[in-house]
């Protein structure tokens, strides 16, 4: 589930979607250096993170196997706008 900081809004992946994704648009360019992703307790996903350049192209920032509830991912310092997180369930995960 993704929370926006507003108590009445959230996003959860559809259980039938094999690779759900979520785009986070900060409405400005940011320098991404580190990503921390926290999953709901007991939920674990593999994660691929990409950031969008001014020309619209997506650049891979980081990826991780979902072995815990919180993923801390260092990234190369890049100035980009939107962040796209793609989730997948790995072998042995449910």
PDB file of N, CA and C in Angstrom:
ATOM      1  N   UNK A   1       0.847  -1.166   0.000  1.00  0.00           N
ATOM      2  CA  UNK A   1       0.000   0.000   0.000  1.00  0.00           C
ATOM      3  C   UNK A   1       0.894   1.230   0.000  1.00  0.00           C
ATOM      4  N   UNK A   2       0.588   2.178  -0.809  1.00  0.00           N
ATOM      5  CA  UNK A   2       1.311   3.446  -0.850  1.00  0.00           C
ATOM      6  C   UNK A   2       0.435   4.518  -0.209  1.00  0.00           C
ATOM      7  N   UNK A   3       1.038   5.321   0.629  1.00  0.00           N
ATOM      8  CA  UNK A   3       0.326   6.408   1.288  1.00  0.00           C
ATOM      9  C   UNK A   3       0.893   7.729   0.806  1.00  0.00           C
ATOM     10  N   UNK A   4       0.030   8.692   0.598  1.00  0.00           N
ATOM     11  CA  UNK A   4       0.455   9.994   0.090  1.00  0.00           C
ATOM     12  C   UNK A   4       0.665  11.029   1.189  1.00  0.00           C
ATOM     13  N   UNK A   5       0.447  10.640   2.411  1.00  0.00           N
ATOM     14  CA  UNK A   5       0.502  11.611   3.493  1.00  0.00           C
ATOM     15  C   UNK A   5      -0.882  12.109   3.859  1.00  0.00           C
ATOM     16  N   UNK A   6      -1.846  11.826   3.005  1.00  0.00           N
ATOM     17  CA  UNK A   6      -3.239  12.174   3.289  1.00  0.00           C
ATOM     18  C   UNK A   6      -3.910  10.927   3.888  1.00  0.00           C
ATOM     19  N   UNK A   7      -4.601  11.045   5.006  1.00  0.00           N
ATOM     20  CA  UNK A   7      -5.159   9.864   5.665  1.00  0.00           C
ATOM     21  C   UNK A   7      -6.222   9.130   4.843  1.00  0.00           C
ATOM     22  N   UNK A   8      -6.854   9.809   3.892  1.00  0.00           N
ATOM     23  CA  UNK A   8      -7.944   9.165   3.152  1.00  0.00           C
ATOM     24  C   UNK A   8      -7.516   8.672   1.761  1.00  0.00           C
ATOM     25  N   UNK A   9      -6.219   8.660   1.439  1.00  0.00           N
ATOM     26  CA  UNK A   9      -5.779   8.181   0.140  1.00  0.00           C
ATOM     27  C   UNK A   9      -4.688   7.120   0.299  1.00  0.00           C
ATOM     28  N   UNK A  10      -4.740   6.113  -0.572  1.00  0.00           N
ATOM     29  CA  UNK A  10      -3.707   5.081  -0.584  1.00  0.00           C
ATOM     30  C   UNK A  10      -3.796   4.323  -1.903  1.00  0.00           C
ATOM     31  N   UNK A  11      -2.788   3.496  -2.179  1.00  0.00           N
ATOM     32  CA  UNK A  11      -2.746   2.657  -3.373  1.00  0.00           C
ATOM     33  C   UNK A  11      -2.243   1.287  -2.960  1.00  0.00           C
ATOM     34  N   UNK A  12      -2.853   0.251  -3.482  1.00  0.00           N
ATOM     35  CA  UNK A  12      -2.405  -1.124  -3.271  1.00  0.00           C
ATOM     36  C   UNK A  12      -2.388  -1.818  -4.618  1.00  0.00           C
ATOM     37  N   UNK A  13      -1.396  -2.693  -4.861  1.00  0.00           N
ATOM     38  CA  UNK A  13      -1.361  -3.399  -6.140  1.00  0.00           C
ATOM     39  C   UNK A  13      -2.510  -4.388  -6.249  1.00  0.00           C
ATOM     40  N   UNK A  14      -3.019  -4.550  -7.460  1.00  0.00           N
ATOM     41  CA  UNK A  14      -4.046  -5.543  -7.738  1.00  0.00           C
ATOM     42  C   UNK A  14      -3.406  -6.920  -7.607  1.00  0.00           C
ATOM     43  N   UNK A  15      -4.037  -7.823  -6.888  1.00  0.00           N
ATOM     44  CA  UNK A  15      -3.473  -9.151  -6.637  1.00  0.00           C
ATOM     45  C   UNK A  15      -3.259  -9.953  -7.916  1.00  0.00           C
ATOM     46  N   UNK A  16      -3.963  -9.619  -9.001  1.00  0.00           N
ATOM     47  CA  UNK A  16      -3.814 -10.372 -10.250  1.00  0.00           C
ATOM     48  C   UNK A  16      -2.751  -9.792 -11.173  1.00  0.00           C
ATOM     49  N   UNK A  17      -2.224  -8.623 -10.859  1.00  0.00           N
ATOM     50  CA  UNK A  17      -1.216  -7.976 -11.700  1.00  0.00           C
ATOM     51  C   UNK A  17       0.159  -8.526 -11.350  1.00  0.00           C
ATOM     52  N   UNK A  18       0.877  -9.164 -12.306  1.00  0.00           N
ATOM     53  CA  UNK A  18       2.171  -9.767 -11.976  1.00  0.00           C
ATOM     54  C   UNK A  18       3.294  -8.747 -11.717  1.00  0.00           C
ATOM     55  N   UNK A  19       3.240  -7.580 -12.316  1.00  0.00           N
ATOM     56  CA  UNK A  19       4.274  -6.558 -12.142  1.00  0.00           C
ATOM     57  C   UNK A  19       3.631  -5.182 -11.968  1.00  0.00           C
ATOM     58  N   UNK A  20       2.947  -4.960 -10.847  1.00  0.00           N
ATOM     59  CA  UNK A  20       2.322  -3.646 -10.653  1.00  0.00           C
ATOM     60  C   UNK A  20       3.389  -2.562 -10.518  1.00  0.00           C
ATOM     61  N   UNK A  21       3.003  -1.362 -10.907  1.00  0.00           N
ATOM     62  CA  UNK A  21       3.920  -0.236 -10.803  1.00  0.00           C
ATOM     63  C   UNK A  21       3.179   0.977 -10.295  1.00  0.00           C
ATOM     64  N   UNK A  22       3.963   1.879  -9.773  1.00  0.00           N
ATOM     65  CA  UNK A  22       3.437   3.109  -9.189  1.00  0.00           C
ATOM     66  C   UNK A  22       4.375   4.234  -9.584  1.00  0.00           C
ATOM     67  N   UNK A  23       3.822   5.336 -10.092  1.00  0.00           N
ATOM     68  CA  UNK A  23       4.628   6.511 -10.411  1.00  0.00           C
ATOM     69  C   UNK A  23       4.365   7.572  -9.352  1.00  0.00           C
ATOM     70  N   UNK A  24       5.443   8.098  -8.825  1.00  0.00           N
ATOM     71  CA  UNK A  24       5.381   9.174  -7.838  1.00  0.00           C
ATOM     72  C   UNK A  24       5.891  10.432  -8.530  1.00  0.00           C
ATOM     73  N   UNK A  25       5.046  11.440  -8.618  1.00  0.00           N
ATOM     74  CA  UNK A  25       5.406  12.681  -9.306  1.00  0.00           C
ATOM     75  C   UNK A  25       5.538  13.797  -8.287  1.00  0.00           C
ATOM     76  N   UNK A  26       6.761  14.208  -7.950  1.00  0.00           N
ATOM     77  CA  UNK A  26       6.940  15.275  -6.961  1.00  0.00           C
ATOM     78  C   UNK A  26       6.650  16.671  -7.527  1.00  0.00           C
ATOM     79  N   UNK A  27       6.297  16.760  -8.815  1.00  0.00           N
ATOM     80  CA  UNK A  27       5.973  18.009  -9.495  1.00  0.00           C
ATOM     81  C   UNK A  27       7.161  18.982  -9.559  1.00  0.00           C
ATOM     82  N   UNK A  28       8.363  18.438  -9.470  1.00  0.00           N
ATOM     83  CA  UNK A  28       9.597  19.212  -9.628  1.00  0.00           C
ATOM     84  C   UNK A  28      10.745  18.216  -9.793  1.00  0.00           C
ATOM     85  N   UNK A  29      11.875  18.704 -10.193  1.00  0.00           N
ATOM     86  CA  UNK A  29      13.056  17.855 -10.312  1.00  0.00           C
ATOM     87  C   UNK A  29      13.729  17.737  -8.955  1.00  0.00           C
ATOM     88  N   UNK A  30      14.161  16.520  -8.635  1.00  0.00           N
ATOM     89  CA  UNK A  30      14.846  16.236  -7.381  1.00  0.00           C
ATOM     90  C   UNK A  30      16.146  15.500  -7.673  1.00  0.00           C
ATOM     91  N   UNK A  31      17.106  15.609  -6.780  1.00  0.00           N
ATOM     92  CA  UNK A  31      18.296  14.780  -6.877  1.00  0.00           C
ATOM     93  C   UNK A  31      18.052  13.545  -6.020  1.00  0.00           C
ATOM     94  N   UNK A  32      17.935  12.404  -6.684  1.00  0.00           N
ATOM     95  CA  UNK A  32      17.732  11.141  -5.986  1.00  0.00           C
ATOM     96  C   UNK A  32      19.092  10.577  -5.600  1.00  0.00           C
ATOM     97  N   UNK A  33      19.267  10.270  -4.319  1.00  0.00           N
ATOM     98  CA  UNK A  33      20.516   9.685  -3.820  1.00  0.00           C
ATOM     99  C   UNK A  33      20.266   8.394  -3.060  1.00  0.00           C
ATOM    100  N   UNK A  34      19.061   8.269  -2.512  1.00  0.00           N
ATOM    101  CA  UNK A  34      18.744   7.143  -1.638  1.00  0.00           C
ATOM    102  C   UNK A  34      17.241   6.944  -1.657  1.00  0.00           C
ATOM    103  N   UNK A  35      16.809   5.715  -1.707  1.00  0.00           N
ATOM    104  CA  UNK A  35      15.379   5.400  -1.628  1.00  0.00           C
ATOM    105  C   UNK A  35      15.144   4.469  -0.447  1.00  0.00           C
ATOM    106  N   UNK A  36      14.133   4.753   0.324  1.00  0.00           N
ATOM    107  CA  UNK A  36      13.688   3.849   1.379  1.00  0.00           C
ATOM    108  C   UNK A  36      12.248   3.491   1.070  1.00  0.00           C
ATOM    109  N   UNK A  37      11.988   2.203   0.926  1.00  0.00           N
ATOM    110  CA  UNK A  37      10.646   1.714   0.618  1.00  0.00           C
ATOM    111  C   UNK A  37      10.224   0.794   1.742  1.00  0.00           C
ATOM    112  N   UNK A  38       9.113   1.112   2.356  1.00  0.00           N
ATOM    113  CA  UNK A  38       8.566   0.287   3.441  1.00  0.00           C
ATOM    114  C   UNK A  38       7.284  -0.367   2.949  1.00  0.00           C
ATOM    115  N   UNK A  39       7.227  -1.677   3.111  1.00  0.00           N
ATOM    116  CA  UNK A  39       6.035  -2.430   2.731  1.00  0.00           C
ATOM    117  C   UNK A  39       5.167  -2.655   3.961  1.00  0.00           C
ATOM    118  N   UNK A  40       3.896  -2.960   3.720  1.00  0.00           N
ATOM    119  CA  UNK A  40       3.011  -3.310   4.828  1.00  0.00           C
ATOM    120  C   UNK A  40       3.595  -4.528   5.536  1.00  0.00           C
ATOM    121  N   UNK A  41       3.388  -4.651   6.845  1.00  0.00           N
ATOM    122  CA  UNK A  41       3.951  -5.793   7.575  1.00  0.00           C
ATOM    123  C   UNK A  41       3.592  -7.122   6.900  1.00  0.00           C
ATOM    124  N   UNK A  42       4.606  -7.951   6.714  1.00  0.00           N
ATOM    125  CA  UNK A  42       4.398  -9.274   6.110  1.00  0.00           C
ATOM    126  C   UNK A  42       4.408  -9.282   4.599  1.00  0.00           C
ATOM    127  N   UNK A  43       4.333  -8.116   3.952  1.00  0.00           N
ATOM    128  CA  UNK A  43       4.367  -8.049   2.490  1.00  0.00           C
ATOM    129  C   UNK A  43       5.792  -7.776   2.040  1.00  0.00           C
ATOM    130  N   UNK A  44       6.235  -8.563   1.049  1.00  0.00           N
ATOM    131  CA  UNK A  44       7.586  -8.380   0.518  1.00  0.00           C
ATOM    132  C   UNK A  44       7.535  -8.534  -0.987  1.00  0.00           C
ATOM    133  N   UNK A  45       8.156  -7.622  -1.687  1.00  0.00           N
ATOM    134  CA  UNK A  45       8.198  -7.631  -3.144  1.00  0.00           C
ATOM    135  C   UNK A  45       9.615  -7.356  -3.610  1.00  0.00           C
ATOM    136  N   UNK A  46       9.948  -7.887  -4.772  1.00  0.00           N
ATOM    137  CA  UNK A  46      11.150  -7.432  -5.462  1.00  0.00           C
ATOM    138  C   UNK A  46      10.809  -6.056  -6.004  1.00  0.00           C
ATOM    139  N   UNK A  47      11.790  -5.204  -6.135  1.00  0.00           N
ATOM    140  CA  UNK A  47      11.542  -3.811  -6.505  1.00  0.00           C
ATOM    141  C   UNK A  47      12.541  -3.348  -7.555  1.00  0.00           C
ATOM    142  N   UNK A  48      12.043  -2.646  -8.550  1.00  0.00           N
ATOM    143  CA  UNK A  48      12.886  -1.938  -9.508  1.00  0.00           C
ATOM    144  C   UNK A  48      12.464  -0.479  -9.459  1.00  0.00           C
ATOM    145  N   UNK A  49      13.428   0.415  -9.302  1.00  0.00           N
ATOM    146  CA  UNK A  49      13.148   1.847  -9.231  1.00  0.00           C
ATOM    147  C   UNK A  49      13.788   2.538 -10.424  1.00  0.00           C
ATOM    148  N   UNK A  50      13.013   3.407 -11.070  1.00  0.00           N
ATOM    149  CA  UNK A  50      13.485   4.188 -12.215  1.00  0.00           C
ATOM    150  C   UNK A  50      13.090   5.642 -11.999  1.00  0.00           C
ATOM    151  N   UNK A  51      13.862   6.551 -12.585  1.00  0.00           N
ATOM    152  CA  UNK A  51      13.533   7.974 -12.523  1.00  0.00           C
ATOM    153  C   UNK A  51      13.442   8.517 -13.939  1.00  0.00           C
ATOM    154  N   UNK A  52      12.559   9.488 -14.132  1.00  0.00           N
ATOM    155  CA  UNK A  52      12.287  10.033 -15.460  1.00  0.00           C
ATOM    156  C   UNK A  52      13.079  11.313 -15.707  1.00  0.00           C
ATOM    157  N   UNK A  53      13.778  11.327 -16.834  1.00  0.00           N
ATOM    158  CA  UNK A  53      14.553  12.500 -17.239  1.00  0.00           C
ATOM    159  C   UNK A  53      13.638  13.533 -17.896  1.00  0.00           C
ATOM    160  N   UNK A  54      14.167  14.718 -18.152  1.00  0.00           N
ATOM    161  CA  UNK A  54      13.398  15.800 -18.774  1.00  0.00           C
ATOM    162  C   UNK A  54      12.852  15.408 -20.142  1.00  0.00           C
ATOM    163  N   UNK A  55      13.565  14.528 -20.870  1.00  0.00           N
ATOM    164  CA  UNK A  55      13.101  14.104 -22.195  1.00  0.00           C
ATOM    165  C   UNK A  55      12.074  12.972 -22.133  1.00  0.00           C
ATOM    166  N   UNK A  56      11.696  12.550 -20.914  1.00  0.00           N
ATOM    167  CA  UNK A  56      10.692  11.500 -20.747  1.00  0.00           C
ATOM    168  C   UNK A  56      11.257  10.102 -20.629  1.00  0.00           C
ATOM    169  N   UNK A  57      12.550   9.925 -20.893  1.00  0.00           N
ATOM    170  CA  UNK A  57      13.171   8.597 -20.804  1.00  0.00           C
ATOM    171  C   UNK A  57      13.318   8.179 -19.339  1.00  0.00           C
ATOM    172  N   UNK A  58      13.142   6.880 -19.086  1.00  0.00           N
ATOM    173  CA  UNK A  58      13.287   6.336 -17.743  1.00  0.00           C
ATOM    174  C   UNK A  58      14.690   5.771 -17.582  1.00  0.00           C
ATOM    175  N   UNK A  59      15.322   6.045 -16.441  1.00  0.00           N
ATOM    176  CA  UNK A  59      16.658   5.555 -16.123  1.00  0.00           C
ATOM    177  C   UNK A  59      16.570   4.681 -14.875  1.00  0.00           C
ATOM    178  N   UNK A  60      17.166   3.489 -14.949  1.00  0.00           N
ATOM    179  CA  UNK A  60      17.201   2.606 -13.780  1.00  0.00           C
ATOM    180  C   UNK A  60      18.004   3.264 -12.667  1.00  0.00           C
ATOM    181  N   UNK A  61      17.445   3.235 -11.464  1.00  0.00           N
ATOM    182  CA  UNK A  61      18.136   3.792 -10.295  1.00  0.00           C
ATOM    183  C   UNK A  61      18.645   2.702  -9.371  1.00  0.00           C
ATOM    184  N   UNK A  62      17.787   1.716  -9.098  1.00  0.00           N
ATOM    185  CA  UNK A  62      18.136   0.681  -8.134  1.00  0.00           C
ATOM    186  C   UNK A  62      17.169  -0.485  -8.276  1.00  0.00           C
ATOM    187  N   UNK A  63      17.588  -1.638  -7.790  1.00  0.00           N
ATOM    188  CA  UNK A  63      16.695  -2.789  -7.711  1.00  0.00           C
ATOM    189  C   UNK A  63      17.099  -3.614  -6.499  1.00  0.00           C
ATOM    190  N   UNK A  64      16.141  -4.383  -5.989  1.00  0.00           N
ATOM    191  CA  UNK A  64      16.412  -5.190  -4.802  1.00  0.00           C
ATOM    192  C   UNK A  64      15.444  -6.353  -4.726  1.00  0.00           C
ATOM    193  N   UNK A  65      15.906  -7.424  -4.147  1.00  0.00           N
ATOM    194  CA  UNK A  65      15.043  -8.572  -3.845  1.00  0.00           C
ATOM    195  C   UNK A  65      14.341  -8.274  -2.531  1.00  0.00           C
ATOM    196  N   UNK A  66      13.070  -8.594  -2.457  1.00  0.00           N
ATOM    197  CA  UNK A  66      12.259  -8.261  -1.290  1.00  0.00           C
ATOM    198  C   UNK A  66      12.405  -9.228  -0.143  1.00  0.00           C
ATOM    199  N   UNK A  67      13.499  -9.135   0.590  1.00  0.00           N
ATOM    200  CA  UNK A  67      13.729 -10.042   1.700  1.00  0.00           C
ATOM    201  C   UNK A  67      13.298  -9.489   3.048  1.00  0.00           C
ATOM    202  N   UNK A  68      12.802  -8.248   3.081  1.00  0.00           N
ATOM    203  CA  UNK A  68      12.404  -7.659   4.349  1.00  0.00           C
ATOM    204  C   UNK A  68      11.301  -6.630   4.114  1.00  0.00           C
ATOM    205  N   UNK A  69      10.748  -6.131   5.206  1.00  0.00           N
ATOM    206  CA  UNK A  69       9.654  -5.160   5.115  1.00  0.00           C
ATOM    207  C   UNK A  69      10.127  -3.781   4.660  1.00  0.00           C
ATOM    208  N   UNK A  70      11.409  -3.464   4.848  1.00  0.00           N
ATOM    209  CA  UNK A  70      11.966  -2.169   4.464  1.00  0.00           C
ATOM    210  C   UNK A  70      13.183  -2.377   3.581  1.00  0.00           C
ATOM    211  N   UNK A  71      13.196  -1.705   2.433  1.00  0.00           N
ATOM    212  CA  UNK A  71      14.350  -1.733   1.535  1.00  0.00           C
ATOM    213  C   UNK A  71      15.005  -0.364   1.556  1.00  0.00           C
ATOM    214  N   UNK A  72      16.296  -0.317   1.852  1.00  0.00           N
ATOM    215  CA  UNK A  72      17.082   0.908   1.788  1.00  0.00           C
ATOM    216  C   UNK A  72      18.023   0.773   0.607  1.00  0.00           C
ATOM    217  N   UNK A  73      17.853   1.653  -0.392  1.00  0.00           N
ATOM    218  CA  UNK A  73      18.577   1.506  -1.652  1.00  0.00           C
ATOM    219  C   UNK A  73      19.382   2.769  -1.969  1.00  0.00           C
ATOM    220  N   UNK A  74      20.709   2.685  -1.942  1.00  0.00           N
ATOM    221  CA  UNK A  74      21.496   3.821  -2.407  1.00  0.00           C
ATOM    222  C   UNK A  74      21.399   3.902  -3.931  1.00  0.00           C
ATOM    223  N   UNK A  75      21.419   5.106  -4.478  1.00  0.00           N
ATOM    224  CA  UNK A  75      21.379   5.286  -5.929  1.00  0.00           C
ATOM    225  C   UNK A  75      22.480   6.258  -6.334  1.00  0.00           C
ATOM    226  N   UNK A  76      22.831   6.257  -7.597  1.00  0.00           N
ATOM    227  CA  UNK A  76      23.719   7.297  -8.107  1.00  0.00           C
ATOM    228  C   UNK A  76      22.957   8.615  -8.008  1.00  0.00           C
ATOM    229  N   UNK A  77      23.630   9.690  -7.656  1.00  0.00           N
ATOM    230  CA  UNK A  77      22.959  10.992  -7.527  1.00  0.00           C
ATOM    231  C   UNK A  77      22.576  11.492  -8.913  1.00  0.00           C
ATOM    232  N   UNK A  78      21.277  11.497  -9.197  1.00  0.00           N
ATOM    233  CA  UNK A  78      20.784  11.963 -10.490  1.00  0.00           C
ATOM    234  C   UNK A  78      19.661  12.963 -10.272  1.00  0.00           C
ATOM    235  N   UNK A  79      19.627  13.988 -11.105  1.00  0.00           N
ATOM    236  CA  UNK A  79      18.562  14.985 -11.070  1.00  0.00           C
ATOM    237  C   UNK A  79      17.473  14.526 -12.027  1.00  0.00           C
ATOM    238  N   UNK A  80      16.340  14.147 -11.491  1.00  0.00           N
ATOM    239  CA  UNK A  80      15.239  13.615 -12.293  1.00  0.00           C
ATOM    240  C   UNK A  80      13.923  14.082 -11.692  1.00  0.00           C
ATOM    241  N   UNK A  81      12.837  13.782 -12.414  1.00  0.00           N
ATOM    242  CA  UNK A  81      11.512  14.182 -11.950  1.00  0.00           C
ATOM    243  C   UNK A  81      10.788  12.990 -11.340  1.00  0.00           C
ATOM    244  N   UNK A  82       9.907  12.370 -12.075  1.00  0.00           N
ATOM    245  CA  UNK A  82       9.067  11.300 -11.536  1.00  0.00           C
ATOM    246  C   UNK A  82       9.877  10.061 -11.192  1.00  0.00           C
ATOM    247  N   UNK A  83       9.373   9.325 -10.219  1.00  0.00           N
ATOM    248  CA  UNK A  83       9.963   8.076  -9.770  1.00  0.00           C
ATOM    249  C   UNK A  83       8.967   6.964 -10.044  1.00  0.00           C
ATOM    250  N   UNK A  84       9.414   5.888 -10.701  1.00  0.00           N
ATOM    251  CA  UNK A  84       8.532   4.736 -10.973  1.00  0.00           C
ATOM    252  C   UNK A  84       9.058   3.538 -10.212  1.00  0.00           C
ATOM    253  N   UNK A  85       8.173   2.917  -9.428  1.00  0.00           N
ATOM    254  CA  UNK A  85       8.497   1.704  -8.693  1.00  0.00           C
ATOM    255  C   UNK A  85       7.715   0.546  -9.302  1.00  0.00           C
ATOM    256  N   UNK A  86       8.424  -0.494  -9.720  1.00  0.00           N
ATOM    257  CA  UNK A  86       7.787  -1.693 -10.266  1.00  0.00           C
ATOM    258  C   UNK A  86       8.024  -2.823  -9.288  1.00  0.00           C
ATOM    259  N   UNK A  87       6.960  -3.509  -8.936  1.00  0.00           N
ATOM    260  CA  UNK A  87       7.008  -4.584  -7.931  1.00  0.00           C
ATOM    261  C   UNK A  87       6.826  -5.936  -8.608  1.00  0.00           C
ATOM    262  N   UNK A  88       7.436  -6.966  -8.037  1.00  0.00           N
ATOM    263  CA  UNK A  88       7.179  -8.327  -8.491  1.00  0.00           C
ATOM    264  C   UNK A  88       7.390  -9.261  -7.301  1.00  0.00           C
ATOM    265  N   UNK A  89       6.701 -10.378  -7.354  1.00  0.00           N
ATOM    266  CA  UNK A  89       6.850 -11.389  -6.313  1.00  0.00           C
ATOM    267  C   UNK A  89       7.930 -12.354  -6.796  1.00  0.00           C
ATOM    268  N   UNK A  90       8.940 -12.547  -5.975  1.00  0.00           N
ATOM    269  CA  UNK A  90      10.041 -13.434  -6.344  1.00  0.00           C
ATOM    270  C   UNK A  90       9.747 -14.872  -5.983  1.00  0.00           C
ATOM    271  N   UNK A  91      10.601 -15.763  -6.460  1.00  0.00           N
ATOM    272  CA  UNK A  91      10.460 -17.188  -6.140  1.00  0.00           C
ATOM    273  C   UNK A  91      10.509 -17.378  -4.645  1.00  0.00           C
ATOM    274  N   UNK A  92       9.609 -18.177  -4.139  1.00  0.00           N
ATOM    275  CA  UNK A  92       9.579 -18.458  -2.718  1.00  0.00           C
ATOM    276  C   UNK A  92       8.843 -17.411  -1.899  1.00  0.00           C
ATOM    277  N   UNK A  93       8.375 -16.346  -2.556  1.00  0.00           N
ATOM    278  CA  UNK A  93       7.617 -15.314  -1.852  1.00  0.00           C
ATOM    279  C   UNK A  93       6.141 -15.537  -2.113  1.00  0.00           C
ATOM    280  N   UNK A  94       5.331 -15.032  -1.248  1.00  0.00           N
ATOM    281  CA  UNK A  94       3.882 -15.128  -1.484  1.00  0.00           C
ATOM    282  C   UNK A  94       3.209 -13.827  -1.164  1.00  0.00           C
TER     283      UNK A  94
END
